[in-house]
Every structure is written in C-alpha cells, then in structure tokens.
Amino acid sequence: MKPTVFLRIASILTLIHAVLHTVGGVFGKPANGTAAMVAATMRGYQFPVLGATRSYADFYRGMGLAVTIFLTIEAIVFWQLASLAKSDSRRIRPVLATFLVGYLAMALNSYLFFFSAPVITEILIAACLAVAIATAKSETPAPVANTEHQVRTA
C-alpha cells in the first residue's frame, strides 16, 4: 500500500472526529440530572475577564470550537500531504511523525479525561500516520541527461 491511501484515510477519520466532536461535545445537550445542573451553573455565573464578561460555559464552548477548527484544519492538511506523498513521500515523514506524536498524546489525554470514542478514533488516526511513515519511499530518480551528447554539440 502507498502512504497516500493511509493519509486519505487519516484525513477522513479526522474530519469525522471534528464533526462528532462538534455535534456531541460542543453543541450536545447534557442529560437531565447532575450534568444538566452543572451546565446550567456554568452558564449562570458571568464574570469580567480582560474587558469582556464571560462564563465558564463560554470558555467551554469556545475551546470546544477551537478543537473542532484545528481538527478540520488537520483533515485538510492530511489530504494535502497525501497529494504531496505521490511525488516524494519520504520528505514529509518528519511532518507525519510530528502529527503521529500529537495524536498519541491526544489519545492519552482522551483516555485520562474523556471516554473511549475519541481514544479509538485518535489511535486509528495515529495508526494511519504510522503506516504512511513506514510505507513512504524516496521519489524515483529522474533520468540522467546524456552529458556526452551535450558536450559534443557545444
């Protein structure tokens, strides 16, 4: 398999992650009970911060949307890297390695503070990146021009 395929898969998984994060995490409604009470409390108390009035719910939603934005950007970058991998995938390996470490760290963070769905998604994305790195090869060398012919005609 070629790294392009795995980068396209990583791109699609990352976009799905962004959509589900937005639908469930940012705009999802907490169930009745304690979660709903905590959410109402977070919305209910506002305080001044650097010239603006905000609540903890504002910070929660804002950071959630920031994660969505970055996941969407990463999905686009993975798609673009897949296109670059067609010509010389070996040169993008350091970039892929950086994202791989980042996704492993995100999976650990999700394991410690969230739940299994994002952990599984982030591990699948990391696996795609690892396989893309492993299958990346140097570009095929260009044919060498016949320098003997060029010397005689000059």
C-alpha atoms as a PDB file:
ATOM      1  CA  MET A   1       0.000   0.000   0.000  1.00  0.00           C
ATOM      2  CA  LYS A   2       1.055   3.567  -0.527  1.00  0.00           C
ATOM      3  CA  PRO A   3       1.221   6.334   2.100  1.00  0.00           C
ATOM      4  CA  THR A   4      -1.290   8.335   0.049  1.00  0.00           C
ATOM      5  CA  VAL A   5      -4.066   5.866   0.885  1.00  0.00           C
ATOM      6  CA  PHE A   6      -3.343   5.983   4.617  1.00  0.00           C
ATOM      7  CA  LEU A   7      -3.147   9.773   4.623  1.00  0.00           C
ATOM      8  CA  ARG A   8      -6.529   9.975   2.871  1.00  0.00           C
ATOM      9  CA  ILE A   9      -7.980   7.593   5.485  1.00  0.00           C
ATOM     10  CA  ALA A  10      -6.432   9.701   8.279  1.00  0.00           C
ATOM     11  CA  SER A  11      -7.938  12.803   6.680  1.00  0.00           C
ATOM     12  CA  ILE A  12     -11.428  11.307   6.564  1.00  0.00           C
ATOM     13  CA  LEU A  13     -11.166   9.960  10.132  1.00  0.00           C
ATOM     14  CA  THR A  14     -10.001  13.379  11.339  1.00  0.00           C
ATOM     15  CA  LEU A  15     -12.908  15.109   9.616  1.00  0.00           C
ATOM     16  CA  ILE A  16     -15.347  12.610  11.177  1.00  0.00           C
ATOM     17  CA  HIS A  17     -13.691  13.281  14.538  1.00  0.00           C
ATOM     18  CA  ALA A  18     -14.233  17.033  14.029  1.00  0.00           C
ATOM     19  CA  VAL A  19     -17.913  16.602  13.132  1.00  0.00           C
ATOM     20  CA  LEU A  20     -18.685  14.241  16.022  1.00  0.00           C
ATOM     21  CA  HIS A  21     -16.764  16.458  18.450  1.00  0.00           C
ATOM     22  CA  THR A  22     -18.867  19.421  17.369  1.00  0.00           C
ATOM     23  CA  VAL A  23     -22.222  17.639  17.397  1.00  0.00           C
ATOM     24  CA  GLY A  24     -21.699  15.714  20.618  1.00  0.00           C
ATOM     25  CA  GLY A  25     -19.177  17.744  22.540  1.00  0.00           C
ATOM     26  CA  VAL A  26     -19.738  21.384  21.669  1.00  0.00           C
ATOM     27  CA  PHE A  27     -23.453  21.533  20.853  1.00  0.00           C
ATOM     28  CA  GLY A  28     -24.636  18.370  22.623  1.00  0.00           C
ATOM     29  CA  LYS A  29     -27.114  18.799  25.444  1.00  0.00           C
ATOM     30  CA  PRO A  30     -26.333  17.160  28.769  1.00  0.00           C
ATOM     31  CA  ALA A  31     -28.773  14.574  30.056  1.00  0.00           C
ATOM     32  CA  ASN A  32     -31.132  15.560  32.834  1.00  0.00           C
ATOM     33  CA  GLY A  33     -29.744  15.382  36.322  1.00  0.00           C
ATOM     34  CA  THR A  34     -26.343  16.358  37.607  1.00  0.00           C
ATOM     35  CA  ALA A  35     -24.809  17.086  34.181  1.00  0.00           C
ATOM     36  CA  ALA A  36     -27.642  19.458  33.257  1.00  0.00           C
ATOM     37  CA  MET A  37     -27.365  21.194  36.632  1.00  0.00           C
ATOM     38  CA  VAL A  38     -23.606  21.699  36.212  1.00  0.00           C
ATOM     39  CA  ALA A  39     -24.092  23.058  32.661  1.00  0.00           C
ATOM     40  CA  ALA A  40     -26.751  25.490  33.904  1.00  0.00           C
ATOM     41  CA  THR A  41     -24.438  26.623  36.696  1.00  0.00           C
ATOM     42  CA  MET A  42     -21.603  27.171  34.203  1.00  0.00           C
ATOM     43  CA  ARG A  43     -23.918  29.360  32.087  1.00  0.00           C
ATOM     44  CA  GLY A  44     -25.445  31.162  35.049  1.00  0.00           C
ATOM     45  CA  TYR A  45     -22.416  32.909  36.520  1.00  0.00           C
ATOM     46  CA  GLN A  46     -20.659  35.502  34.423  1.00  0.00           C
ATOM     47  CA  PHE A  47     -17.582  37.468  35.392  1.00  0.00           C
ATOM     48  CA  PRO A  48     -15.309  40.085  33.835  1.00  0.00           C
ATOM     49  CA  VAL A  49     -12.200  38.817  32.048  1.00  0.00           C
ATOM     50  CA  LEU A  50      -9.827  41.212  30.259  1.00  0.00           C
ATOM     51  CA  GLY A  51     -12.564  43.690  29.416  1.00  0.00           C
ATOM     52  CA  ALA A  52     -15.257  41.136  28.472  1.00  0.00           C
ATOM     53  CA  THR A  53     -17.932  39.413  30.509  1.00  0.00           C
ATOM     54  CA  ARG A  54     -17.839  35.628  30.146  1.00  0.00           C
ATOM     55  CA  SER A  55     -18.994  32.468  31.874  1.00  0.00           C
ATOM     56  CA  TYR A  56     -17.267  29.123  32.188  1.00  0.00           C
ATOM     57  CA  ALA A  57     -19.778  27.838  29.627  1.00  0.00           C
ATOM     58  CA  ASP A  58     -18.434  30.439  27.168  1.00  0.00           C
ATOM     59  CA  PHE A  59     -14.881  29.171  27.718  1.00  0.00           C
ATOM     60  CA  TYR A  60     -16.028  25.560  27.418  1.00  0.00           C
ATOM     61  CA  ARG A  61     -17.835  26.206  24.114  1.00  0.00           C
ATOM     62  CA  GLY A  62     -15.037  28.398  22.765  1.00  0.00           C
ATOM     63  CA  MET A  63     -12.363  25.790  23.462  1.00  0.00           C
ATOM     64  CA  GLY A  64     -14.590  23.074  22.040  1.00  0.00           C
ATOM     65  CA  LEU A  65     -14.997  25.043  18.820  1.00  0.00           C
ATOM     66  CA  ALA A  66     -11.235  25.694  18.751  1.00  0.00           C
ATOM     67  CA  VAL A  67     -10.639  21.925  18.844  1.00  0.00           C
ATOM     68  CA  THR A  68     -13.153  21.500  16.009  1.00  0.00           C
ATOM     69  CA  ILE A  69     -11.362  24.142  13.946  1.00  0.00           C
ATOM     70  CA  PHE A  70      -7.971  22.509  14.468  1.00  0.00           C
ATOM     71  CA  LEU A  71      -9.289  19.023  13.678  1.00  0.00           C
ATOM     72  CA  THR A  72     -10.797  20.347  10.450  1.00  0.00           C
ATOM     73  CA  ILE A  73      -7.526  22.051   9.522  1.00  0.00           C
ATOM     74  CA  GLU A  74      -5.638  18.806  10.224  1.00  0.00           C
ATOM     75  CA  ALA A  75      -8.043  16.874   7.989  1.00  0.00           C
ATOM     76  CA  ILE A  76      -7.291  19.315   5.173  1.00  0.00           C
ATOM     77  CA  VAL A  77      -3.536  19.152   5.820  1.00  0.00           C
ATOM     78  CA  PHE A  78      -3.588  15.319   5.759  1.00  0.00           C
ATOM     79  CA  TRP A  79      -5.405  15.434   2.401  1.00  0.00           C
ATOM     80  CA  GLN A  80      -2.809  17.890   1.055  1.00  0.00           C
ATOM     81  CA  LEU A  81       0.067  15.766   2.399  1.00  0.00           C
ATOM     82  CA  ALA A  82      -1.445  12.761   0.626  1.00  0.00           C
ATOM     83  CA  SER A  83      -1.129  14.682  -2.643  1.00  0.00           C
ATOM     84  CA  LEU A  84       2.487  15.555  -1.849  1.00  0.00           C
ATOM     85  CA  ALA A  85       3.205  11.930  -0.957  1.00  0.00           C
ATOM     86  CA  LYS A  86       2.538  10.928  -4.553  1.00  0.00           C
ATOM     87  CA  SER A  87       5.779  12.538  -5.725  1.00  0.00           C
ATOM     88  CA  ASP A  88       8.137  12.243  -2.749  1.00  0.00           C
ATOM     89  CA  SER A  89       6.619  10.788   0.381  1.00  0.00           C
ATOM     90  CA  ARG A  90       9.949  10.419   2.176  1.00  0.00           C
ATOM     91  CA  ARG A  91      10.293  14.202   2.573  1.00  0.00           C
ATOM     92  CA  ILE A  92       7.022  14.520   4.504  1.00  0.00           C
ATOM     93  CA  ARG A  93       7.953  11.863   7.068  1.00  0.00           C
ATOM     94  CA  PRO A  94       9.082  14.375   9.745  1.00  0.00           C
ATOM     95  CA  VAL A  95       5.775  16.238   9.451  1.00  0.00           C
ATOM     96  CA  LEU A  96       3.844  12.970   9.725  1.00  0.00           C
ATOM     97  CA  ALA A  97       5.941  11.961  12.736  1.00  0.00           C
ATOM     98  CA  THR A  98       5.034  15.226  14.468  1.00  0.00           C
ATOM     99  CA  PHE A  99       1.326  14.591  13.896  1.00  0.00           C
ATOM    100  CA  LEU A 100       1.767  10.962  14.996  1.00  0.00           C
ATOM    101  CA  VAL A 101       3.234  12.018  18.356  1.00  0.00           C
ATOM    102  CA  GLY A 102       0.479  14.618  18.706  1.00  0.00           C
ATOM    103  CA  TYR A 103      -2.281  12.074  18.090  1.00  0.00           C
ATOM    104  CA  LEU A 104      -0.765   9.632  20.557  1.00  0.00           C
ATOM    105  CA  ALA A 105      -0.695  12.430  23.144  1.00  0.00           C
ATOM    106  CA  MET A 106      -4.317  13.307  22.312  1.00  0.00           C
ATOM    107  CA  ALA A 107      -5.320   9.651  22.736  1.00  0.00           C
ATOM    108  CA  LEU A 108      -3.673   9.566  26.162  1.00  0.00           C
ATOM    109  CA  ASN A 109      -5.379  12.832  27.119  1.00  0.00           C
ATOM    110  CA  SER A 110      -8.746  11.484  25.946  1.00  0.00           C
ATOM    111  CA  TYR A 111      -8.181   8.278  27.896  1.00  0.00           C
ATOM    112  CA  LEU A 112      -7.375  10.183  31.080  1.00  0.00           C
ATOM    113  CA  PHE A 113     -10.078  12.865  30.878  1.00  0.00           C
ATOM    114  CA  PHE A 114     -12.806  11.784  28.444  1.00  0.00           C
ATOM    115  CA  PHE A 115     -14.015   8.407  27.183  1.00  0.00           C
ATOM    116  CA  SER A 116     -13.253   5.632  24.701  1.00  0.00           C
ATOM    117  CA  ALA A 117     -14.756   7.016  21.453  1.00  0.00           C
ATOM    118  CA  PRO A 118     -12.144   9.758  20.918  1.00  0.00           C
ATOM    119  CA  VAL A 119      -9.388   7.420  22.153  1.00  0.00           C
ATOM    120  CA  ILE A 120     -10.260   4.858  19.482  1.00  0.00           C
ATOM    121  CA  THR A 121     -10.513   7.493  16.744  1.00  0.00           C
ATOM    122  CA  GLU A 122      -7.196   9.097  17.696  1.00  0.00           C
ATOM    123  CA  ILE A 123      -5.425   5.729  17.823  1.00  0.00           C
ATOM    124  CA  LEU A 124      -6.800   4.853  14.362  1.00  0.00           C
ATOM    125  CA  ILE A 125      -5.560   8.198  13.005  1.00  0.00           C
ATOM    126  CA  ALA A 126      -2.151   7.622  14.640  1.00  0.00           C
ATOM    127  CA  ALA A 127      -2.008   4.124  13.133  1.00  0.00           C
ATOM    128  CA  CYS A 128      -2.724   5.525   9.661  1.00  0.00           C
ATOM    129  CA  LEU A 129       0.043   8.088  10.125  1.00  0.00           C
ATOM    130  CA  ALA A 130       2.476   5.396  11.338  1.00  0.00           C
ATOM    131  CA  VAL A 131       1.753   3.201   8.313  1.00  0.00           C
ATOM    132  CA  ALA A 132       2.093   6.224   5.999  1.00  0.00           C
ATOM    133  CA  ILE A 133       5.524   6.889   7.518  1.00  0.00           C
ATOM    134  CA  ALA A 134       6.530   3.230   7.205  1.00  0.00           C
ATOM    135  CA  THR A 135       5.458   2.989   3.560  1.00  0.00           C
ATOM    136  CA  ALA A 136       6.997   6.308   2.482  1.00  0.00           C
ATOM    137  CA  LYS A 137       9.743   5.888  -0.072  1.00  0.00           C
ATOM    138  CA  SER A 138      12.057   8.230  -1.931  1.00  0.00           C
ATOM    139  CA  GLU A 139      10.889   9.588  -5.226  1.00  0.00           C
ATOM    140  CA  THR A 140      12.042   7.770  -8.318  1.00  0.00           C
ATOM    141  CA  PRO A 141      15.251   9.358  -9.546  1.00  0.00           C
ATOM    142  CA  ALA A 142      14.861  11.370 -12.719  1.00  0.00           C
ATOM    143  CA  PRO A 143      16.664  10.012 -15.772  1.00  0.00           C
ATOM    144  CA  VAL A 144      20.142  11.443 -16.151  1.00  0.00           C
ATOM    145  CA  ALA A 145      20.596  13.522 -19.277  1.00  0.00           C
ATOM    146  CA  ASN A 146      23.151  12.332 -21.788  1.00  0.00           C
ATOM    147  CA  THR A 147      26.010  14.699 -20.975  1.00  0.00           C
ATOM    148  CA  GLU A 148      28.294  13.169 -23.628  1.00  0.00           C
ATOM    149  CA  HIS A 149      25.942  14.332 -26.389  1.00  0.00           C
ATOM    150  CA  GLN A 150      25.692  17.802 -24.831  1.00  0.00           C
ATOM    151  CA  VAL A 151      29.487  18.167 -24.664  1.00  0.00           C
ATOM    152  CA  ARG A 152      29.994  17.263 -28.350  1.00  0.00           C
ATOM    153  CA  THR A 153      27.359  19.686 -29.617  1.00  0.00           C
ATOM    154  CA  ALA A 154      28.522  22.630 -27.527  1.00  0.00           C
END
